[in-house]
Protein backbone atom coordinates (compact mmCIF):
# COMPACT_ATOMS: atom_id res chain seq x y z
CA UNK A 1 -47.75 -39.69 31.46
CA UNK A 2 -44.57 -40.93 31.68
CA UNK A 3 -44.20 -41.56 28.22
CA UNK A 4 -45.90 -38.47 27.00
CA UNK A 5 -43.35 -36.41 29.31
CA UNK A 6 -40.80 -38.10 27.77
CA UNK A 7 -42.02 -37.29 24.24
CA UNK A 8 -41.98 -34.21 25.45
CA UNK A 9 -38.54 -33.78 26.46
CA UNK A 10 -37.06 -35.63 23.49
CA UNK A 11 -39.09 -33.07 21.53
CA UNK A 12 -38.22 -30.10 23.89
CA UNK A 13 -34.24 -31.21 23.32
CA UNK A 14 -34.75 -31.82 19.49
CA UNK A 15 -35.69 -28.42 19.21
CA UNK A 16 -33.05 -26.39 21.32
CA UNK A 17 -30.88 -28.70 19.44
CA UNK A 18 -32.24 -27.22 16.38
CA UNK A 19 -32.28 -24.20 17.36
CA UNK A 20 -28.32 -24.50 18.01
CA UNK A 21 -27.61 -25.66 14.85
CA UNK A 22 -30.01 -22.99 13.32
CA UNK A 23 -27.80 -20.20 15.41
CA UNK A 24 -24.77 -21.82 14.61
CA UNK A 25 -25.51 -21.95 10.81
CA UNK A 26 -26.50 -18.80 10.97
CA UNK A 27 -23.46 -17.55 12.68
CA UNK A 28 -21.20 -19.88 9.84
CA UNK A 29 -23.08 -18.04 7.22
CA UNK A 30 -21.88 -14.54 8.13
CA UNK A 31 -19.53 -12.72 5.71
CA UNK A 32 -17.52 -9.82 5.16
CA UNK A 33 -17.42 -8.77 1.67
CA UNK A 34 -14.77 -7.04 0.33
CA UNK A 35 -14.14 -5.48 -3.04
CA UNK A 36 -10.86 -5.66 -4.14
CA UNK A 37 -10.27 -2.54 -6.77
CA UNK A 38 -7.01 -3.18 -8.03
CA UNK A 39 -4.78 -2.92 -11.23
CA UNK A 40 -4.51 -6.42 -12.56
CA UNK A 41 -3.73 -5.31 -16.58
CA UNK A 42 -0.89 -2.38 -17.62
CA UNK A 43 2.15 -0.76 -16.12
CA UNK A 44 0.85 -1.58 -12.58
CA UNK A 45 -0.38 -5.59 -12.97
CA UNK A 46 2.30 -6.52 -10.90
CA UNK A 47 1.54 -4.24 -7.85
CA UNK A 48 -2.07 -5.15 -8.00
CA UNK A 49 -1.32 -9.19 -8.47
CA UNK A 50 0.93 -8.82 -5.17
CA UNK A 51 -1.63 -6.68 -3.03
CA UNK A 52 -3.51 -9.41 -3.78
CA UNK A 53 -1.37 -11.81 -2.81
CA UNK A 54 -0.34 -10.38 0.53
CA UNK A 55 -4.35 -9.89 1.46
CA UNK A 56 -5.17 -13.02 0.80
CA UNK A 57 -2.16 -14.75 2.51
CA UNK A 58 -3.14 -13.05 6.09
CA UNK A 59 -6.82 -14.34 5.31
CA UNK A 60 -5.63 -17.86 4.28
CA UNK A 61 -3.45 -17.75 7.68
CA UNK A 62 -6.68 -17.06 9.90
CA UNK A 63 -8.68 -20.20 7.99
CA UNK A 64 -10.37 -17.44 5.64
CA UNK A 65 -12.30 -15.96 8.61
CA UNK A 66 -11.76 -12.16 9.85
CA UNK A 67 -12.80 -11.80 13.18
CA UNK A 68 -15.33 -14.51 13.05
CA UNK A 69 -16.85 -14.15 9.53
CA UNK A 70 -15.84 -15.78 6.02
CA UNK A 71 -14.36 -13.39 3.50
CA UNK A 72 -16.06 -12.87 0.25
CA UNK A 73 -14.49 -11.50 -2.39
CA UNK A 74 -15.37 -9.19 -5.16
CA UNK A 75 -12.59 -8.63 -7.72
CA UNK A 76 -12.48 -5.41 -10.23
CA UNK A 77 -9.76 -4.49 -12.43
CA UNK A 78 -9.43 -0.79 -12.26
CA UNK A 79 -6.84 -0.44 -15.24
CA UNK A 80 -5.15 2.60 -13.02
CA UNK A 81 -7.86 4.33 -15.36
CA UNK A 82 -8.88 7.51 -13.30
CA UNK A 83 -11.87 7.85 -15.74
CA UNK A 84 -13.24 4.56 -15.11
CA UNK A 85 -12.59 4.94 -11.34
CA UNK A 86 -16.06 6.08 -9.79
CA UNK A 87 -18.17 3.78 -11.79
CA UNK A 88 -16.21 0.83 -10.59
CA UNK A 89 -16.49 1.78 -7.27
CA UNK A 90 -19.53 2.51 -7.46
CA UNK A 91 -20.71 -1.09 -8.67
CA UNK A 92 -18.47 -2.70 -6.16
CA UNK A 93 -20.59 -0.54 -3.53
CA UNK A 94 -23.99 -0.32 -5.05
CA UNK A 95 -24.24 -3.82 -7.14
CA UNK A 96 -22.02 -5.84 -4.86
CA UNK A 97 -23.17 -4.33 -1.51
CA UNK A 98 -19.24 -4.58 -0.16
CA UNK A 99 -18.73 -4.23 3.26
CA UNK A 100 -15.12 -2.73 2.27
CA UNK A 101 -13.72 -1.13 -0.45
CA UNK A 102 -9.39 -2.11 -0.84
CA UNK A 103 -7.85 0.08 -3.24
CA UNK A 104 -5.68 1.35 -5.02
CA UNK A 105 -2.19 1.79 -6.95
CA UNK A 106 -2.79 4.52 -9.06
CA UNK A 107 -3.76 7.98 -6.68
CA UNK A 108 -5.93 9.19 -9.09
CA UNK A 109 -7.85 6.54 -9.58
CA UNK A 110 -7.70 6.25 -5.15
CA UNK A 111 -9.05 10.04 -4.99
CA UNK A 112 -11.73 8.93 -6.89
CA UNK A 113 -12.19 5.92 -4.57
CA UNK A 114 -12.48 7.71 -1.82
CA UNK A 115 -14.88 10.07 -2.89
CA UNK A 116 -17.42 7.00 -3.43
CA UNK A 117 -16.66 6.05 -0.36
CA UNK A 118 -17.11 9.18 1.72
CA UNK A 119 -20.67 9.50 -0.20
CA UNK A 120 -21.70 6.25 0.42
CA UNK A 121 -19.67 6.25 4.16
CA UNK A 122 -18.39 2.98 3.08
CA UNK A 123 -14.82 2.02 4.65
CA UNK A 124 -11.92 2.33 2.62
CA UNK A 125 -8.33 0.82 3.32
CA UNK A 126 -5.90 2.13 0.49
CA UNK A 127 -3.08 -0.35 0.28
CA UNK A 128 -0.82 1.54 -2.23
CA UNK A 129 -1.70 4.95 -3.08
CA UNK A 130 0.36 7.69 -1.69
CA UNK A 131 -1.49 10.54 -3.08
CA UNK A 132 -1.10 13.05 0.05
CA UNK A 133 -4.53 14.20 -0.06
CA UNK A 134 -6.30 10.86 0.96
CA UNK A 135 -4.82 11.42 4.64
CA UNK A 136 -5.12 15.17 4.05
CA UNK A 137 -7.50 16.96 2.78
CA UNK A 138 -9.73 14.17 1.79
CA UNK A 139 -9.35 12.06 5.24
CA UNK A 140 -12.43 10.97 6.47
CA UNK A 141 -13.51 8.62 9.45
CA UNK A 142 -13.79 5.76 7.34
CA UNK A 143 -10.53 6.07 5.05
CA UNK A 144 -7.62 4.38 6.01
CA UNK A 145 -4.35 3.89 4.43
CA UNK A 146 -1.60 1.07 5.00
CA UNK A 147 0.96 2.16 3.37
CA UNK A 148 2.51 5.46 3.06
CA UNK A 149 2.25 9.40 1.54
CA UNK A 150 3.93 10.05 -1.48
CA UNK A 151 5.68 12.65 1.00
CA UNK A 152 6.66 10.16 3.11
CA UNK A 153 9.81 8.09 1.86
CA UNK A 154 10.46 10.98 -0.46
CA UNK A 155 11.37 12.89 2.78
CA UNK A 156 13.57 10.61 4.08
CA UNK A 157 15.04 10.46 0.83
CA UNK A 158 15.91 14.34 0.46
CA UNK A 159 17.73 13.99 4.06
CA UNK A 160 19.75 10.95 3.05
CA UNK A 161 21.07 13.05 -0.59
CA UNK A 162 22.04 16.37 1.67
CA UNK A 163 23.58 14.09 4.45
CA UNK A 164 25.89 12.47 1.47
CA UNK A 165 27.01 16.37 0.43
CA UNK A 166 24.74 16.49 -2.80
CA UNK A 167 24.12 20.45 -3.44
CA UNK A 168 22.31 20.77 -6.64
CA UNK A 169 19.74 17.81 -7.57
CA UNK A 170 17.35 17.36 -10.71
CA UNK A 171 14.08 15.59 -10.36
CA UNK A 172 12.04 13.68 -13.08
CA UNK A 173 8.96 11.77 -12.24
CA UNK A 174 6.07 11.52 -14.43
CA UNK A 175 3.14 14.04 -14.36
CA UNK A 176 0.69 13.18 -12.07
CA UNK A 177 -0.42 13.52 -8.12
CA UNK A 178 2.19 10.94 -7.04
CA UNK A 179 4.89 11.93 -8.70
CA UNK A 180 4.57 15.69 -7.81
CA UNK A 181 4.46 14.83 -4.30
CA UNK A 182 7.23 12.85 -4.19
CA UNK A 183 9.31 15.85 -5.49
CA UNK A 184 7.49 17.74 -3.15
CA UNK A 185 8.65 15.64 -0.30
CA UNK A 186 12.07 15.42 -1.51
CA UNK A 187 12.83 19.04 -2.27
CA UNK A 188 11.44 20.15 1.51
CA UNK A 189 13.89 18.04 3.39
CA UNK A 190 16.87 18.34 0.76
CA UNK A 191 16.32 21.71 0.71
CA UNK A 192 15.47 22.49 4.16
CA UNK A 193 19.26 21.10 4.84
CA UNK A 194 20.69 23.53 2.42
CA UNK A 195 20.58 21.65 -0.99
CA UNK A 196 18.57 23.35 -4.34
CA UNK A 197 16.86 21.47 -6.38
CA UNK A 198 17.57 22.98 -9.57
CA UNK A 199 15.30 21.60 -11.93
CA UNK A 200 11.99 19.77 -11.87
CA UNK A 201 11.14 17.42 -14.74
CA UNK A 202 8.07 16.15 -15.47
CA UNK A 203 6.51 13.33 -18.46
CA UNK A 204 3.09 13.04 -18.83
CA UNK A 205 2.12 8.89 -17.26
CA UNK A 206 2.24 6.20 -18.48
CA UNK A 207 4.99 7.67 -21.12
CA UNK A 208 7.91 5.78 -20.85
CA UNK A 209 10.16 7.59 -23.96
CA UNK A 210 12.63 8.74 -21.27
CA UNK A 211 15.40 9.65 -23.92
CA UNK A 212 15.51 13.41 -24.50
CA UNK A 213 14.91 13.68 -20.52
CA UNK A 214 18.34 11.80 -19.79
CA UNK A 215 19.89 14.27 -22.24
CA UNK A 216 18.89 17.43 -20.82
CA UNK A 217 19.91 15.64 -17.31
CA UNK A 218 23.50 15.20 -19.01
CA UNK A 219 23.43 18.59 -20.22
CA UNK A 220 22.67 19.95 -16.84
CA UNK A 221 25.51 17.82 -14.97
CA UNK A 222 23.83 17.88 -11.26
CA UNK A 223 25.11 16.16 -8.61
CA UNK A 224 22.15 13.64 -8.22
CA UNK A 225 19.12 13.03 -9.60
CA UNK A 226 15.88 11.95 -7.60
CA UNK A 227 13.12 10.36 -9.39
CA UNK A 228 9.88 8.78 -8.48
CA UNK A 229 8.80 5.83 -10.58
CA UNK A 230 7.45 2.40 -10.23
CA UNK A 231 6.05 -0.89 -12.31
CA UNK A 232 7.21 -1.64 -15.74
CA UNK A 233 7.99 2.03 -16.18
CA UNK A 234 11.00 2.05 -13.62
CA UNK A 235 12.31 -1.27 -15.04
CA UNK A 236 12.88 0.91 -18.52
CA UNK A 237 14.14 4.15 -16.89
CA UNK A 238 16.50 2.60 -14.94
CA UNK A 239 18.04 0.41 -18.11
CA UNK A 240 17.88 3.86 -19.95
CA UNK A 241 19.77 5.50 -17.39
CA UNK A 242 22.09 3.15 -17.05
CA UNK A 243 22.53 2.67 -21.17
CA UNK A 244 22.78 6.35 -21.41
CA UNK A 245 26.07 6.28 -19.34
CA UNK A 246 24.65 8.66 -16.67
CA UNK A 247 24.42 5.88 -13.77
CA UNK A 248 28.53 5.94 -13.58
CA UNK A 249 28.25 9.97 -13.80
CA UNK A 250 25.52 11.14 -11.63
CA UNK A 251 24.35 9.09 -8.45
CA UNK A 252 20.52 8.35 -8.93
CA UNK A 253 18.41 8.21 -5.91
CA UNK A 254 14.58 7.45 -5.33
CA UNK A 255 11.55 6.52 -3.42
CA UNK A 256 11.94 2.84 -3.41
CA UNK A 257 9.30 1.46 -5.56
CA UNK A 258 11.92 2.49 -8.15
CA UNK A 259 13.68 -0.95 -7.55
CA UNK A 260 10.47 -2.97 -5.65
CA UNK A 261 9.52 -5.93 -7.51
CA UNK A 262 11.52 -4.44 -10.61
CA UNK A 263 15.25 -5.61 -10.17
CA UNK A 264 14.91 -8.43 -12.20
CA UNK A 265 13.16 -6.82 -15.14
CA UNK A 266 16.37 -4.15 -14.72
CA UNK A 267 18.84 -6.64 -15.86
CA UNK A 268 21.67 -5.61 -13.51
CA UNK A 269 21.23 -1.73 -14.22
CA UNK A 270 19.70 -1.23 -11.19
CA UNK A 271 22.53 -2.67 -8.94
CA UNK A 272 23.88 -0.40 -6.34
CA UNK A 273 20.88 1.91 -6.27
CA UNK A 274 20.27 3.47 -3.35
CA UNK A 275 16.06 4.35 -2.26
CA UNK A 276 14.41 4.88 0.53
CA UNK A 277 11.20 3.28 1.56
CA UNK A 278 8.89 1.57 4.92
CA UNK A 279 10.11 -1.96 3.99
CA UNK A 280 13.62 -3.64 3.10
CA UNK A 281 15.04 -6.98 2.26
CA UNK A 282 17.12 -8.18 5.66
CA UNK A 283 14.67 -6.92 8.17
CA UNK A 284 15.49 -9.26 11.55
CA UNK A 285 11.92 -9.23 12.86
CA UNK A 286 9.98 -12.17 13.46
CA UNK A 287 7.01 -11.23 11.48
CA UNK A 288 9.05 -10.37 8.36
CA UNK A 289 10.61 -14.15 8.38
CA UNK A 290 7.38 -15.90 8.78
CA UNK A 291 5.65 -13.76 6.18
CA UNK A 292 8.27 -14.22 3.63
CA UNK A 293 8.97 -18.14 4.12
CA UNK A 294 4.99 -18.62 3.66
CA UNK A 295 4.35 -16.19 0.49
CA UNK A 296 7.69 -17.87 -1.17
CA UNK A 297 5.64 -21.22 -0.72
CA UNK A 298 2.26 -19.79 -1.80
CA UNK A 299 3.06 -17.73 -4.67
CA UNK A 300 7.02 -19.30 -5.67
CA UNK A 301 8.33 -15.51 -5.84
CA UNK A 302 9.56 -13.41 -3.12
CA UNK A 303 7.18 -10.75 -1.49
CA UNK A 304 7.41 -6.74 -2.01
CA UNK A 305 6.46 -3.66 -0.52
CA UNK A 306 2.95 -4.10 -2.52
CA UNK A 307 2.51 -7.98 -0.90
CA UNK A 308 3.37 -6.17 2.64
CA UNK A 309 0.86 -3.34 2.43
CA UNK A 310 -1.84 -5.55 1.22
CA UNK A 311 -0.91 -7.80 4.17
CA UNK A 312 -1.48 -4.93 6.78
CA UNK A 313 -4.53 -3.79 5.22
CA UNK A 314 -5.97 -7.19 6.16
CA UNK A 315 -4.73 -7.15 9.32
CA UNK A 316 -6.12 -3.94 9.93
CA UNK A 317 -9.90 -5.16 8.49
CA UNK A 318 -9.57 -7.75 11.12
CA UNK A 319 -8.81 -5.26 14.18
CA UNK A 320 -12.14 -3.73 13.09
CA UNK A 321 -14.15 -6.78 12.97
CA UNK A 322 -13.01 -7.84 16.04
CA UNK A 323 -14.79 -5.31 17.63
CA UNK A 324 -17.86 -6.41 16.24
CA UNK A 325 -17.22 -10.31 16.54
CA UNK A 326 -20.79 -11.96 16.77
CA UNK A 327 -22.39 -8.82 15.85
CA UNK A 328 -23.38 -6.56 13.55
CA UNK A 329 -20.95 -4.78 11.40
CA UNK A 330 -21.05 -1.49 13.46
CA UNK A 331 -18.84 0.98 11.86
CA UNK A 332 -18.35 3.67 14.22
CA UNK A 333 -17.13 0.19 16.29
CA UNK A 334 -15.03 -0.88 13.72
CA UNK A 335 -13.55 2.28 12.75
CA UNK A 336 -12.70 3.08 16.59
CA UNK A 337 -10.90 -0.29 17.21
CA UNK A 338 -8.58 0.57 13.99
CA UNK A 339 -7.85 3.85 14.60
CA UNK A 340 -6.23 2.53 17.84
CA UNK A 341 -4.65 -0.81 16.20
CA UNK A 342 -1.10 -1.69 16.58
CA UNK A 343 -0.13 -3.71 13.22
CA UNK A 344 2.16 -6.61 13.46
CA UNK A 345 3.59 -5.43 9.85
CA UNK A 346 6.53 -7.44 8.52
CA UNK A 347 7.76 -3.78 8.17
CA UNK A 348 7.99 -3.51 11.83
CA UNK A 349 4.99 -2.35 14.37
CA UNK A 350 3.14 0.83 13.66
CA UNK A 351 0.13 2.86 14.79
CA UNK A 352 -1.92 4.86 12.78
CA UNK A 353 -1.85 8.69 12.87
CA UNK A 354 -5.17 10.81 13.70
CA UNK A 355 -5.38 11.05 9.65
CA UNK A 356 -5.00 7.23 9.32
CA UNK A 357 -2.25 7.08 7.88
CA UNK A 358 0.87 4.94 8.74
CA UNK A 359 3.24 6.00 11.44
CA UNK A 360 6.31 4.57 10.51
CA UNK A 361 10.22 3.87 9.86
CA UNK A 362 11.57 4.69 6.85
CA UNK A 363 14.30 2.97 5.42
CA UNK A 364 17.11 3.08 3.38
CA UNK A 365 18.17 0.02 0.67
CA UNK A 366 20.52 -0.79 -1.24
CA UNK A 367 19.92 -2.71 -4.45
CA UNK A 368 22.09 -5.99 -4.47
CA UNK A 369 21.06 -8.71 -6.99
CA UNK A 370 17.64 -9.23 -6.31
CA UNK A 371 17.42 -7.70 -3.28
CA UNK A 372 17.02 -3.97 -1.75
CA UNK A 373 19.02 -4.45 1.41
CA UNK A 374 18.68 -2.71 4.60
CA UNK A 375 21.60 -0.28 4.74
CA UNK A 376 20.31 1.82 7.74
CA UNK A 377 17.23 4.06 9.05
CA UNK A 378 16.48 7.22 7.09
CA UNK A 379 14.04 8.55 9.17
CA UNK A 380 12.39 6.93 12.15
CA UNK A 381 8.55 6.34 13.30
CA UNK A 382 8.17 9.47 10.72
CA UNK A 383 4.54 10.67 10.84
CA UNK A 384 2.82 12.46 7.47
CA UNK A 385 2.22 15.87 8.17
CA UNK A 386 -1.40 15.48 6.82
CA UNK A 387 -1.90 19.24 5.69
CA UNK A 388 -5.60 19.90 5.14
CA UNK A 389 -6.83 17.33 7.02
CA UNK A 390 -9.78 18.16 9.58
CA UNK A 391 -10.24 15.40 11.43
């Protein structure tokens, strides 16, 4: 009897142990599938890579886990092509069965992604594209943004331009949503303060033949020029603006994407430019110091605003996953947690508006060498008006 009872006890212990191991293995096997849909070729390639680096850095800081789950990546190069956006996003959702879409840079692509996310009820985190519609008319409970609206930094720059005494400004940008909305934000603040946008100039995206527009600016003789460009096109514009002799004659202002990640490519032409953005070099918070140190060590380069936005996309996702830790991916619970999250960002802590867009400081920066040095705060805790959002 003793031997039989002992055997039963041993078998019982073994069964419990095996069950615990099986349960542990099940938990260990739990993953969150992240679909990174970003540009890895073309004019925005550097931006897509920086966002990816930032996202993966945050995950690496937490041993490859978010909310107790291993992160599995599915990566698509969206090529900044809106015509391919619906198909690319649909493949990630239907073929790869991702839990969350993360993308993108180009506003037109992001709006197509948002439609797929809304139709399939897939969680979407936008780590860059500033299309006002994403947290305006297209807002949805499952759509979040960790970057900005095109309106926000441009509105801050419009206020600064007016404060600097300019009365007559010409604007120039690509003819697409991001550029048009940035001009709208600048114009709203600038004209509210008594200035006048004399002429709005546009060229097709991603055209970088600027000479005819520079000639027109020279003929118009405005007090200042406001532009919205990013990536390789931004670097070429600033070089061309300087080469045309305009930099010395007509002050140039911009949303900060003009000089973020592009100063090296400008070859000194960007020196001294003033821009407005939700990130700057020279912030003194401890989070930024630690972020920059680790990023430089890992990637052998300095981070920019795109890396910060990717980093914060991972932070926001973790806030949602922490709410369902060890359980099923209950999307309503995740959304509720993400809505009230306070993100400890390198840019400075921020919260989300009712429309799921950051409420954040907009900094005035000055290009010095390879840095966009902090000059001051153009607008404190600026919330986008989220016009058209019905949430």
